[in-house]
Amino acid sequence: MSGGGGITSLALREGGTVVLGVFGELDLFTGPRLVDVVTDCLSARPVRLVMDVSAVSFCDASGLTALLAARDSAVQAGAEFVLAGVQPALLHILTITNLDARLGLRPRPSPGTRC
């Protein structure tokens, strides 16, 4: 894979929530960048870290490792970790590796509900 992906939409929102938008490929090339961005975000001491992965088109083992590292870092910092917008292909990978439970995936909220 080419590592054609990135992280966008870093924003501290009302109530101490940080939202990260991840897009493209989450792999050996982009995974370390995600971990760096998460570390930076957590320095603001948010209450919740929401990672929107709705635009992730590919995720390999390195990407899964980055997601786990992000979750673990959030928990260590005392922030709730939410993985939002999980598309069917990524959900399938998370389910067969049993990482869906570790990442705390929940059913998709209904429209109009907050993260």
PDB file of N, CA and C in Angstrom:
ATOM      1  N   MET A   1       0.838  -1.174   0.000  1.00  0.00           N
ATOM      2  CA  MET A   1       0.000   0.000   0.000  1.00  0.00           C
ATOM      3  C   MET A   1       0.884   1.239   0.000  1.00  0.00           C
ATOM      4  N   SER A   2       0.342   2.312  -0.432  1.00  0.00           N
ATOM      5  CA  SER A   2       1.130   3.524  -0.624  1.00  0.00           C
ATOM      6  C   SER A   2       1.152   4.454   0.569  1.00  0.00           C
ATOM      7  N   GLY A   3       0.352   4.211   1.550  1.00  0.00           N
ATOM      8  CA  GLY A   3       0.311   5.128   2.683  1.00  0.00           C
ATOM      9  C   GLY A   3      -0.449   6.399   2.366  1.00  0.00           C
ATOM     10  N   GLY A   4      -1.387   6.339   1.418  1.00  0.00           N
ATOM     11  CA  GLY A   4      -2.160   7.520   1.027  1.00  0.00           C
ATOM     12  C   GLY A   4      -3.283   7.784   2.005  1.00  0.00           C
ATOM     13  N   GLY A   5      -2.956   8.395   3.100  1.00  0.00           N
ATOM     14  CA  GLY A   5      -3.976   8.682   4.095  1.00  0.00           C
ATOM     15  C   GLY A   5      -3.496   9.770   5.005  1.00  0.00           C
ATOM     16  N   GLY A   6      -4.295  10.066   5.997  1.00  0.00           N
ATOM     17  CA  GLY A   6      -3.899  11.113   6.913  1.00  0.00           C
ATOM     18  C   GLY A   6      -4.894  11.327   8.014  1.00  0.00           C
ATOM     19  N   ILE A   7      -4.649  12.383   8.751  1.00  0.00           N
ATOM     20  CA  ILE A   7      -5.474  12.736   9.891  1.00  0.00           C
ATOM     21  C   ILE A   7      -5.903  14.184   9.728  1.00  0.00           C
ATOM     22  N   THR A   8      -7.183  14.452   9.904  1.00  0.00           N
ATOM     23  CA  THR A   8      -7.699  15.809   9.762  1.00  0.00           C
ATOM     24  C   THR A   8      -8.653  16.127  10.901  1.00  0.00           C
ATOM     25  N   SER A   9      -9.192  17.328  10.871  1.00  0.00           N
ATOM     26  CA  SER A   9     -10.285  17.737  11.749  1.00  0.00           C
ATOM     27  C   SER A   9      -9.975  17.634  13.232  1.00  0.00           C
ATOM     28  N   LEU A  10      -8.802  18.063  13.596  1.00  0.00           N
ATOM     29  CA  LEU A  10      -8.465  18.100  15.006  1.00  0.00           C
ATOM     30  C   LEU A  10      -9.160  19.306  15.618  1.00  0.00           C
ATOM     31  N   ALA A  11     -10.053  19.052  16.558  1.00  0.00           N
ATOM     32  CA  ALA A  11     -10.801  20.160  17.143  1.00  0.00           C
ATOM     33  C   ALA A  11     -11.213  19.830  18.567  1.00  0.00           C
ATOM     34  N   LEU A  12     -11.039  20.774  19.449  1.00  0.00           N
ATOM     35  CA  LEU A  12     -11.532  20.636  20.812  1.00  0.00           C
ATOM     36  C   LEU A  12     -12.936  21.204  20.817  1.00  0.00           C
ATOM     37  N   ARG A  13     -13.887  20.365  21.139  1.00  0.00           N
ATOM     38  CA  ARG A  13     -15.270  20.809  21.123  1.00  0.00           C
ATOM     39  C   ARG A  13     -15.794  20.953  22.534  1.00  0.00           C
ATOM     40  N   GLU A  14     -16.951  21.507  22.604  1.00  0.00           N
ATOM     41  CA  GLU A  14     -17.634  21.713  23.886  1.00  0.00           C
ATOM     42  C   GLU A  14     -17.638  20.429  24.700  1.00  0.00           C
ATOM     43  N   GLY A  15     -17.397  20.579  25.962  1.00  0.00           N
ATOM     44  CA  GLY A  15     -17.406  19.420  26.849  1.00  0.00           C
ATOM     45  C   GLY A  15     -16.092  18.675  26.867  1.00  0.00           C
ATOM     46  N   GLY A  16     -15.029  19.236  26.302  1.00  0.00           N
ATOM     47  CA  GLY A  16     -13.728  18.587  26.360  1.00  0.00           C
ATOM     48  C   GLY A  16     -13.549  17.415  25.428  1.00  0.00           C
ATOM     49  N   THR A  17     -14.244  17.404  24.309  1.00  0.00           N
ATOM     50  CA  THR A  17     -14.113  16.325  23.341  1.00  0.00           C
ATOM     51  C   THR A  17     -13.171  16.741  22.220  1.00  0.00           C
ATOM     52  N   VAL A  18     -12.227  15.866  21.902  1.00  0.00           N
ATOM     53  CA  VAL A  18     -11.353  16.063  20.747  1.00  0.00           C
ATOM     54  C   VAL A  18     -11.806  15.084  19.672  1.00  0.00           C
ATOM     55  N   VAL A  19     -11.976  15.591  18.451  1.00  0.00           N
ATOM     56  CA  VAL A  19     -12.396  14.750  17.331  1.00  0.00           C
ATOM     57  C   VAL A  19     -11.268  14.697  16.308  1.00  0.00           C
ATOM     58  N   LEU A  20     -10.870  13.495  15.930  1.00  0.00           N
ATOM     59  CA  LEU A  20      -9.871  13.291  14.891  1.00  0.00           C
ATOM     60  C   LEU A  20     -10.536  12.598  13.713  1.00  0.00           C
ATOM     61  N   GLY A  21     -10.386  13.151  12.538  1.00  0.00           N
ATOM     62  CA  GLY A  21     -10.871  12.499  11.330  1.00  0.00           C
ATOM     63  C   GLY A  21      -9.703  11.788  10.668  1.00  0.00           C
ATOM     64  N   VAL A  22      -9.861  10.508  10.417  1.00  0.00           N
ATOM     65  CA  VAL A  22      -8.820   9.712   9.774  1.00  0.00           C
ATOM     66  C   VAL A  22      -9.356   9.305   8.406  1.00  0.00           C
ATOM     67  N   PHE A  23      -8.516   9.454   7.361  1.00  0.00           N
ATOM     68  CA  PHE A  23      -8.988   9.120   6.022  1.00  0.00           C
ATOM     69  C   PHE A  23      -7.922   8.352   5.241  1.00  0.00           C
ATOM     70  N   GLY A  24      -8.390   7.688   4.193  1.00  0.00           N
ATOM     71  CA  GLY A  24      -7.476   6.950   3.319  1.00  0.00           C
ATOM     72  C   GLY A  24      -7.008   5.662   3.958  1.00  0.00           C
ATOM     73  N   GLU A  25      -5.723   5.374   3.770  1.00  0.00           N
ATOM     74  CA  GLU A  25      -5.143   4.127   4.239  1.00  0.00           C
ATOM     75  C   GLU A  25      -4.515   4.300   5.618  1.00  0.00           C
ATOM     76  N   LEU A  26      -4.846   3.398   6.503  1.00  0.00           N
ATOM     77  CA  LEU A  26      -4.252   3.373   7.839  1.00  0.00           C
ATOM     78  C   LEU A  26      -3.321   2.163   7.847  1.00  0.00           C
ATOM     79  N   ASP A  27      -2.033   2.445   7.686  1.00  0.00           N
ATOM     80  CA  ASP A  27      -1.079   1.367   7.454  1.00  0.00           C
ATOM     81  C   ASP A  27       0.283   1.677   8.072  1.00  0.00           C
ATOM     82  N   LEU A  28       1.292   0.966   7.630  1.00  0.00           N
ATOM     83  CA  LEU A  28       2.646   1.113   8.136  1.00  0.00           C
ATOM     84  C   LEU A  28       3.162   2.539   8.014  1.00  0.00           C
ATOM     85  N   PHE A  29       2.716   3.262   7.013  1.00  0.00           N
ATOM     86  CA  PHE A  29       3.191   4.622   6.777  1.00  0.00           C
ATOM     87  C   PHE A  29       2.414   5.671   7.582  1.00  0.00           C
ATOM     88  N   THR A  30       1.109   5.482   7.725  1.00  0.00           N
ATOM     89  CA  THR A  30       0.288   6.493   8.387  1.00  0.00           C
ATOM     90  C   THR A  30       0.025   6.188   9.865  1.00  0.00           C
ATOM     91  N   GLY A  31       0.166   4.929  10.267  1.00  0.00           N
ATOM     92  CA  GLY A  31      -0.083   4.544  11.654  1.00  0.00           C
ATOM     93  C   GLY A  31       0.757   5.322  12.662  1.00  0.00           C
ATOM     94  N   PRO A  32       2.083   5.435  12.439  1.00  0.00           N
ATOM     95  CA  PRO A  32       2.893   6.198  13.399  1.00  0.00           C
ATOM     96  C   PRO A  32       2.476   7.667  13.493  1.00  0.00           C
ATOM     97  N   ARG A  33       2.046   8.255  12.385  1.00  0.00           N
ATOM     98  CA  ARG A  33       1.579   9.644  12.402  1.00  0.00           C
ATOM     99  C   ARG A  33       0.322   9.764  13.266  1.00  0.00           C
ATOM    100  N   LEU A  34      -0.563   8.790  13.152  1.00  0.00           N
ATOM    101  CA  LEU A  34      -1.778   8.798  13.966  1.00  0.00           C
ATOM    102  C   LEU A  34      -1.420   8.765  15.451  1.00  0.00           C
ATOM    103  N   VAL A  35      -0.486   7.907  15.821  1.00  0.00           N
ATOM    104  CA  VAL A  35      -0.068   7.811  17.216  1.00  0.00           C
ATOM    105  C   VAL A  35       0.510   9.147  17.699  1.00  0.00           C
ATOM    106  N   ASP A  36       1.305   9.804  16.852  1.00  0.00           N
ATOM    107  CA  ASP A  36       1.865  11.114  17.212  1.00  0.00           C
ATOM    108  C   ASP A  36       0.779  12.161  17.419  1.00  0.00           C
ATOM    109  N   VAL A  37      -0.199  12.181  16.527  1.00  0.00           N
ATOM    110  CA  VAL A  37      -1.286  13.161  16.629  1.00  0.00           C
ATOM    111  C   VAL A  37      -2.117  12.903  17.893  1.00  0.00           C
ATOM    112  N   VAL A  38      -2.386  11.650  18.177  1.00  0.00           N
ATOM    113  CA  VAL A  38      -3.142  11.309  19.386  1.00  0.00           C
ATOM    114  C   VAL A  38      -2.392  11.780  20.631  1.00  0.00           C
ATOM    115  N   THR A  39      -1.101  11.557  20.662  1.00  0.00           N
ATOM    116  CA  THR A  39      -0.288  12.008  21.795  1.00  0.00           C
ATOM    117  C   THR A  39      -0.406  13.519  21.967  1.00  0.00           C
ATOM    118  N   ASP A  40      -0.316  14.253  20.850  1.00  0.00           N
ATOM    119  CA  ASP A  40      -0.475  15.710  20.911  1.00  0.00           C
ATOM    120  C   ASP A  40      -1.852  16.106  21.427  1.00  0.00           C
ATOM    121  N   CYS A  41      -2.879  15.433  20.937  1.00  0.00           N
ATOM    122  CA  CYS A  41      -4.254  15.734  21.359  1.00  0.00           C
ATOM    123  C   CYS A  41      -4.444  15.529  22.855  1.00  0.00           C
ATOM    124  N   LEU A  42      -3.874  14.467  23.356  1.00  0.00           N
ATOM    125  CA  LEU A  42      -4.070  14.130  24.760  1.00  0.00           C
ATOM    126  C   LEU A  42      -3.362  15.092  25.697  1.00  0.00           C
ATOM    127  N   SER A  43      -2.425  15.855  25.167  1.00  0.00           N
ATOM    128  CA  SER A  43      -1.755  16.853  26.014  1.00  0.00           C
ATOM    129  C   SER A  43      -2.718  17.965  26.418  1.00  0.00           C
ATOM    130  N   ALA A  44      -3.830  18.111  25.683  1.00  0.00           N
ATOM    131  CA  ALA A  44      -4.864  19.097  26.027  1.00  0.00           C
ATOM    132  C   ALA A  44      -5.795  18.571  27.124  1.00  0.00           C
ATOM    133  N   ARG A  45      -5.569  17.327  27.585  1.00  0.00           N
ATOM    134  CA  ARG A  45      -6.362  16.687  28.638  1.00  0.00           C
ATOM    135  C   ARG A  45      -7.860  16.644  28.339  1.00  0.00           C
ATOM    136  N   PRO A  46      -8.237  16.126  27.159  1.00  0.00           N
ATOM    137  CA  PRO A  46      -9.670  16.044  26.857  1.00  0.00           C
ATOM    138  C   PRO A  46     -10.355  14.986  27.726  1.00  0.00           C
ATOM    139  N   VAL A  47     -11.656  15.112  27.811  1.00  0.00           N
ATOM    140  CA  VAL A  47     -12.466  14.132  28.519  1.00  0.00           C
ATOM    141  C   VAL A  47     -12.732  12.942  27.601  1.00  0.00           C
ATOM    142  N   ARG A  48     -12.838  13.218  26.304  1.00  0.00           N
ATOM    143  CA  ARG A  48     -13.193  12.193  25.319  1.00  0.00           C
ATOM    144  C   ARG A  48     -12.380  12.412  24.049  1.00  0.00           C
ATOM    145  N   LEU A  49     -11.891  11.325  23.473  1.00  0.00           N
ATOM    146  CA  LEU A  49     -11.216  11.349  22.178  1.00  0.00           C
ATOM    147  C   LEU A  49     -12.066  10.542  21.212  1.00  0.00           C
ATOM    148  N   VAL A  50     -12.615  11.224  20.215  1.00  0.00           N
ATOM    149  CA  VAL A  50     -13.435  10.563  19.204  1.00  0.00           C
ATOM    150  C   VAL A  50     -12.605  10.472  17.931  1.00  0.00           C
ATOM    151  N   MET A  51     -12.434   9.255  17.436  1.00  0.00           N
ATOM    152  CA  MET A  51     -11.705   9.043  16.197  1.00  0.00           C
ATOM    153  C   MET A  51     -12.709   8.619  15.129  1.00  0.00           C
ATOM    154  N   ASP A  52     -12.926   9.518  14.165  1.00  0.00           N
ATOM    155  CA  ASP A  52     -13.863   9.256  13.075  1.00  0.00           C
ATOM    156  C   ASP A  52     -13.102   8.553  11.957  1.00  0.00           C
ATOM    157  N   VAL A  53     -13.394   7.275  11.753  1.00  0.00           N
ATOM    158  CA  VAL A  53     -12.710   6.473  10.743  1.00  0.00           C
ATOM    159  C   VAL A  53     -13.618   6.176   9.547  1.00  0.00           C
ATOM    160  N   SER A  54     -14.650   6.985   9.379  1.00  0.00           N
ATOM    161  CA  SER A  54     -15.614   6.731   8.305  1.00  0.00           C
ATOM    162  C   SER A  54     -15.010   6.835   6.912  1.00  0.00           C
ATOM    163  N   ALA A  55     -13.875   7.531   6.774  1.00  0.00           N
ATOM    164  CA  ALA A  55     -13.240   7.681   5.462  1.00  0.00           C
ATOM    165  C   ALA A  55     -11.982   6.827   5.320  1.00  0.00           C
ATOM    166  N   VAL A  56     -11.807   5.849   6.207  1.00  0.00           N
ATOM    167  CA  VAL A  56     -10.676   4.936   6.080  1.00  0.00           C
ATOM    168  C   VAL A  56     -11.016   3.893   5.012  1.00  0.00           C
ATOM    169  N   SER A  57     -10.162   3.818   3.989  1.00  0.00           N
ATOM    170  CA  SER A  57     -10.418   2.896   2.877  1.00  0.00           C
ATOM    171  C   SER A  57      -9.660   1.587   3.013  1.00  0.00           C
ATOM    172  N   PHE A  58      -8.649   1.558   3.869  1.00  0.00           N
ATOM    173  CA  PHE A  58      -7.820   0.362   4.031  1.00  0.00           C
ATOM    174  C   PHE A  58      -7.174   0.408   5.406  1.00  0.00           C
ATOM    175  N   CYS A  59      -7.054  -0.753   6.042  1.00  0.00           N
ATOM    176  CA  CYS A  59      -6.382  -0.831   7.336  1.00  0.00           C
ATOM    177  C   CYS A  59      -5.661  -2.166   7.415  1.00  0.00           C
ATOM    178  N   ASP A  60      -4.335  -2.105   7.625  1.00  0.00           N
ATOM    179  CA  ASP A  60      -3.561  -3.335   7.773  1.00  0.00           C
ATOM    180  C   ASP A  60      -3.229  -3.542   9.251  1.00  0.00           C
ATOM    181  N   ALA A  61      -2.372  -4.528   9.522  1.00  0.00           N
ATOM    182  CA  ALA A  61      -2.015  -4.850  10.914  1.00  0.00           C
ATOM    183  C   ALA A  61      -1.365  -3.658  11.615  1.00  0.00           C
ATOM    184  N   SER A  62      -0.583  -2.884  10.888  1.00  0.00           N
ATOM    185  CA  SER A  62       0.036  -1.690  11.482  1.00  0.00           C
ATOM    186  C   SER A  62      -1.016  -0.655  11.843  1.00  0.00           C
ATOM    187  N   GLY A  63      -2.035  -0.547  11.026  1.00  0.00           N
ATOM    188  CA  GLY A  63      -3.138   0.366  11.311  1.00  0.00           C
ATOM    189  C   GLY A  63      -3.906  -0.073  12.542  1.00  0.00           C
ATOM    190  N   LEU A  64      -4.137  -1.383  12.665  1.00  0.00           N
ATOM    191  CA  LEU A  64      -4.812  -1.904  13.859  1.00  0.00           C
ATOM    192  C   LEU A  64      -3.982  -1.623  15.107  1.00  0.00           C
ATOM    193  N   THR A  65      -2.674  -1.792  14.986  1.00  0.00           N
ATOM    194  CA  THR A  65      -1.779  -1.499  16.108  1.00  0.00           C
ATOM    195  C   THR A  65      -1.883  -0.029  16.500  1.00  0.00           C
ATOM    196  N   ALA A  66      -1.952   0.857  15.502  1.00  0.00           N
ATOM    197  CA  ALA A  66      -2.077   2.294  15.778  1.00  0.00           C
ATOM    198  C   ALA A  66      -3.395   2.603  16.484  1.00  0.00           C
ATOM    199  N   LEU A  67      -4.485   1.960  16.061  1.00  0.00           N
ATOM    200  CA  LEU A  67      -5.777   2.170  16.718  1.00  0.00           C
ATOM    201  C   LEU A  67      -5.724   1.722  18.176  1.00  0.00           C
ATOM    202  N   LEU A  68      -5.100   0.580  18.419  1.00  0.00           N
ATOM    203  CA  LEU A  68      -4.968   0.094  19.794  1.00  0.00           C
ATOM    204  C   LEU A  68      -4.089   1.017  20.633  1.00  0.00           C
ATOM    205  N   ALA A  69      -3.016   1.505  20.036  1.00  0.00           N
ATOM    206  CA  ALA A  69      -2.138   2.434  20.758  1.00  0.00           C
ATOM    207  C   ALA A  69      -2.887   3.719  21.091  1.00  0.00           C
ATOM    208  N   ALA A  70      -3.706   4.195  20.161  1.00  0.00           N
ATOM    209  CA  ALA A  70      -4.499   5.404  20.399  1.00  0.00           C
ATOM    210  C   ALA A  70      -5.465   5.181  21.553  1.00  0.00           C
ATOM    211  N   ARG A  71      -6.130   4.053  21.537  1.00  0.00           N
ATOM    212  CA  ARG A  71      -7.074   3.730  22.605  1.00  0.00           C
ATOM    213  C   ARG A  71      -6.359   3.618  23.945  1.00  0.00           C
ATOM    214  N   ASP A  72      -5.245   2.904  23.971  1.00  0.00           N
ATOM    215  CA  ASP A  72      -4.505   2.722  25.214  1.00  0.00           C
ATOM    216  C   ASP A  72      -3.989   4.057  25.758  1.00  0.00           C
ATOM    217  N   SER A  73      -3.516   4.913  24.865  1.00  0.00           N
ATOM    218  CA  SER A  73      -3.030   6.233  25.289  1.00  0.00           C
ATOM    219  C   SER A  73      -4.156   7.064  25.885  1.00  0.00           C
ATOM    220  N   ALA A  74      -5.327   7.006  25.249  1.00  0.00           N
ATOM    221  CA  ALA A  74      -6.478   7.754  25.754  1.00  0.00           C
ATOM    222  C   ALA A  74      -6.861   7.264  27.151  1.00  0.00           C
ATOM    223  N   VAL A  75      -6.933   5.968  27.309  1.00  0.00           N
ATOM    224  CA  VAL A  75      -7.301   5.397  28.605  1.00  0.00           C
ATOM    225  C   VAL A  75      -6.279   5.794  29.668  1.00  0.00           C
ATOM    226  N   GLN A  76      -4.990   5.717  29.343  1.00  0.00           N
ATOM    227  CA  GLN A  76      -3.953   6.103  30.300  1.00  0.00           C
ATOM    228  C   GLN A  76      -4.060   7.577  30.676  1.00  0.00           C
ATOM    229  N   ALA A  77      -4.525   8.399  29.729  1.00  0.00           N
ATOM    230  CA  ALA A  77      -4.670   9.833  29.998  1.00  0.00           C
ATOM    231  C   ALA A  77      -5.990  10.150  30.695  1.00  0.00           C
ATOM    232  N   GLY A  78      -6.801   9.136  30.932  1.00  0.00           N
ATOM    233  CA  GLY A  78      -8.072   9.342  31.613  1.00  0.00           C
ATOM    234  C   GLY A  78      -9.187   9.831  30.699  1.00  0.00           C
ATOM    235  N   ALA A  79      -9.015   9.662  29.391  1.00  0.00           N
ATOM    236  CA  ALA A  79     -10.031  10.096  28.428  1.00  0.00           C
ATOM    237  C   ALA A  79     -10.793   8.886  27.892  1.00  0.00           C
ATOM    238  N   GLU A  80     -12.074   9.087  27.680  1.00  0.00           N
ATOM    239  CA  GLU A  80     -12.874   8.056  27.027  1.00  0.00           C
ATOM    240  C   GLU A  80     -12.445   7.997  25.566  1.00  0.00           C
ATOM    241  N   PHE A  81     -12.361   6.793  25.009  1.00  0.00           N
ATOM    242  CA  PHE A  81     -12.001   6.611  23.603  1.00  0.00           C
ATOM    243  C   PHE A  81     -13.217   6.119  22.849  1.00  0.00           C
ATOM    244  N   VAL A  82     -13.545   6.800  21.738  1.00  0.00           N
ATOM    245  CA  VAL A  82     -14.683   6.412  20.913  1.00  0.00           C
ATOM    246  C   VAL A  82     -14.206   6.278  19.473  1.00  0.00           C
ATOM    247  N   LEU A  83     -14.430   5.119  18.876  1.00  0.00           N
ATOM    248  CA  LEU A  83     -14.137   4.902  17.466  1.00  0.00           C
ATOM    249  C   LEU A  83     -15.462   5.037  16.730  1.00  0.00           C
ATOM    250  N   ALA A  84     -15.581   6.081  15.907  1.00  0.00           N
ATOM    251  CA  ALA A  84     -16.859   6.398  15.263  1.00  0.00           C
ATOM    252  C   ALA A  84     -16.777   6.203  13.756  1.00  0.00           C
ATOM    253  N   GLY A  85     -17.911   5.937  13.143  1.00  0.00           N
ATOM    254  CA  GLY A  85     -17.992   5.844  11.690  1.00  0.00           C
ATOM    255  C   GLY A  85     -17.333   4.613  11.112  1.00  0.00           C
ATOM    256  N   VAL A  86     -17.295   3.533  11.866  1.00  0.00           N
ATOM    257  CA  VAL A  86     -16.638   2.309  11.391  1.00  0.00           C
ATOM    258  C   VAL A  86     -17.462   1.717  10.246  1.00  0.00           C
ATOM    259  N   GLN A  87     -16.820   1.635   9.081  1.00  0.00           N
ATOM    260  CA  GLN A  87     -17.479   1.098   7.889  1.00  0.00           C
ATOM    261  C   GLN A  87     -17.398  -0.433   7.893  1.00  0.00           C
ATOM    262  N   PRO A  88     -18.245  -1.102   7.098  1.00  0.00           N
ATOM    263  CA  PRO A  88     -18.306  -2.573   7.123  1.00  0.00           C
ATOM    264  C   PRO A  88     -16.965  -3.284   6.930  1.00  0.00           C
ATOM    265  N   ALA A  89     -16.122  -2.828   6.025  1.00  0.00           N
ATOM    266  CA  ALA A  89     -14.841  -3.519   5.787  1.00  0.00           C
ATOM    267  C   ALA A  89     -13.952  -3.460   7.031  1.00  0.00           C
ATOM    268  N   LEU A  90     -13.859  -2.292   7.647  1.00  0.00           N
ATOM    269  CA  LEU A  90     -13.048  -2.159   8.860  1.00  0.00           C
ATOM    270  C   LEU A  90     -13.695  -2.921  10.020  1.00  0.00           C
ATOM    271  N   LEU A  91     -15.002  -2.857  10.114  1.00  0.00           N
ATOM    272  CA  LEU A  91     -15.697  -3.589  11.173  1.00  0.00           C
ATOM    273  C   LEU A  91     -15.423  -5.087  11.057  1.00  0.00           C
ATOM    274  N   HIS A  92     -15.398  -5.593   9.833  1.00  0.00           N
ATOM    275  CA  HIS A  92     -15.121  -7.012   9.610  1.00  0.00           C
ATOM    276  C   HIS A  92     -13.735  -7.373  10.149  1.00  0.00           C
ATOM    277  N   ILE A  93     -12.736  -6.551   9.847  1.00  0.00           N
ATOM    278  CA  ILE A  93     -11.373  -6.800  10.326  1.00  0.00           C
ATOM    279  C   ILE A  93     -11.337  -6.746  11.855  1.00  0.00           C
ATOM    280  N   LEU A  94     -11.986  -5.751  12.418  1.00  0.00           N
ATOM    281  CA  LEU A  94     -11.996  -5.615  13.879  1.00  0.00           C
ATOM    282  C   LEU A  94     -12.707  -6.787  14.542  1.00  0.00           C
ATOM    283  N   THR A  95     -13.762  -7.277  13.909  1.00  0.00           N
ATOM    284  CA  THR A  95     -14.536  -8.381  14.475  1.00  0.00           C
ATOM    285  C   THR A  95     -13.758  -9.691  14.414  1.00  0.00           C
ATOM    286  N   ILE A  96     -13.155 -10.001  13.270  1.00  0.00           N
ATOM    287  CA  ILE A  96     -12.455 -11.291  13.163  1.00  0.00           C
ATOM    288  C   ILE A  96     -11.179 -11.325  14.000  1.00  0.00           C
ATOM    289  N   THR A  97     -10.640 -10.169  14.324  1.00  0.00           N
ATOM    290  CA  THR A  97      -9.453 -10.115  15.193  1.00  0.00           C
ATOM    291  C   THR A  97      -9.850  -9.923  16.652  1.00  0.00           C
ATOM    292  N   ASN A  98     -11.138  -9.838  16.916  1.00  0.00           N
ATOM    293  CA  ASN A  98     -11.702  -9.629  18.251  1.00  0.00           C
ATOM    294  C   ASN A  98     -11.285  -8.285  18.862  1.00  0.00           C
ATOM    295  N   LEU A  99     -10.927  -7.337  18.008  1.00  0.00           N
ATOM    296  CA  LEU A  99     -10.543  -6.014  18.492  1.00  0.00           C
ATOM    297  C   LEU A  99     -11.749  -5.097  18.655  1.00  0.00           C
ATOM    298  N   ASP A 100     -12.896  -5.503  18.120  1.00  0.00           N
ATOM    299  CA  ASP A 100     -14.101  -4.691  18.290  1.00  0.00           C
ATOM    300  C   ASP A 100     -14.425  -4.528  19.769  1.00  0.00           C
ATOM    301  N   ALA A 101     -14.285  -5.590  20.534  1.00  0.00           N
ATOM    302  CA  ALA A 101     -14.558  -5.519  21.974  1.00  0.00           C
ATOM    303  C   ALA A 101     -13.491  -4.685  22.679  1.00  0.00           C
ATOM    304  N   ARG A 102     -12.252  -4.866  22.312  1.00  0.00           N
ATOM    305  CA  ARG A 102     -11.152  -4.129  22.970  1.00  0.00           C
ATOM    306  C   ARG A 102     -11.239  -2.630  22.693  1.00  0.00           C
ATOM    307  N   LEU A 103     -11.715  -2.274  21.500  1.00  0.00           N
ATOM    308  CA  LEU A 103     -11.828  -0.865  21.148  1.00  0.00           C
ATOM    309  C   LEU A 103     -13.141  -0.252  21.629  1.00  0.00           C
ATOM    310  N   GLY A 104     -13.993  -1.068  22.234  1.00  0.00           N
ATOM    311  CA  GLY A 104     -15.225  -0.548  22.818  1.00  0.00           C
ATOM    312  C   GLY A 104     -16.245  -0.092  21.789  1.00  0.00           C
ATOM    313  N   LEU A 105     -16.330  -0.809  20.671  1.00  0.00           N
ATOM    314  CA  LEU A 105     -17.303  -0.403  19.650  1.00  0.00           C
ATOM    315  C   LEU A 105     -18.713  -0.574  20.174  1.00  0.00           C
ATOM    316  N   ARG A 106     -19.527   0.404  19.843  1.00  0.00           N
ATOM    317  CA  ARG A 106     -20.923   0.399  20.242  1.00  0.00           C
ATOM    318  C   ARG A 106     -21.779   0.486  18.992  1.00  0.00           C
ATOM    319  N   PRO A 107     -23.039   0.153  19.122  1.00  0.00           N
ATOM    320  CA  PRO A 107     -23.920   0.336  17.967  1.00  0.00           C
ATOM    321  C   PRO A 107     -23.911   1.799  17.534  1.00  0.00           C
ATOM    322  N   ARG A 108     -24.104   2.029  16.251  1.00  0.00           N
ATOM    323  CA  ARG A 108     -24.112   3.390  15.708  1.00  0.00           C
ATOM    324  C   ARG A 108     -25.221   4.207  16.364  1.00  0.00           C
ATOM    325  N   PRO A 109     -24.882   5.422  16.840  1.00  0.00           N
ATOM    326  CA  PRO A 109     -25.915   6.256  17.454  1.00  0.00           C
ATOM    327  C   PRO A 109     -26.925   6.728  16.422  1.00  0.00           C
ATOM    328  N   SER A 110     -28.125   6.973  16.886  1.00  0.00           N
ATOM    329  CA  SER A 110     -29.130   7.469  15.965  1.00  0.00           C
ATOM    330  C   SER A 110     -28.850   8.931  15.629  1.00  0.00           C
ATOM    331  N   PRO A 111     -29.348   9.373  14.476  1.00  0.00           N
ATOM    332  CA  PRO A 111     -29.109  10.778  14.077  1.00  0.00           C
ATOM    333  C   PRO A 111     -29.528  11.747  15.161  1.00  0.00           C
ATOM    334  N   GLY A 112     -28.713  12.762  15.347  1.00  0.00           N
ATOM    335  CA  GLY A 112     -29.027  13.783  16.330  1.00  0.00           C
ATOM    336  C   GLY A 112     -28.460  13.504  17.719  1.00  0.00           C
ATOM    337  N   THR A 113     -27.878  12.292  17.908  1.00  0.00           N
ATOM    338  CA  THR A 113     -27.277  12.015  19.206  1.00  0.00           C
ATOM    339  C   THR A 113     -25.836  12.468  19.219  1.00  0.00           C
ATOM    340  N   ARG A 114     -25.391  12.866  20.374  1.00  0.00           N
ATOM    341  CA  ARG A 114     -24.004  13.315  20.509  1.00  0.00           C
ATOM    342  C   ARG A 114     -23.080  12.124  20.619  1.00  0.00           C
ATOM    343  N   CYS A 115     -21.789  12.349  20.305  1.00  0.00           N
ATOM    344  CA  CYS A 115     -20.770  11.288  20.419  1.00  0.00           C
ATOM    345  C   CYS A 115     -20.705  10.771  21.829  1.00  0.00           C
TER     346      CYS A 115
END
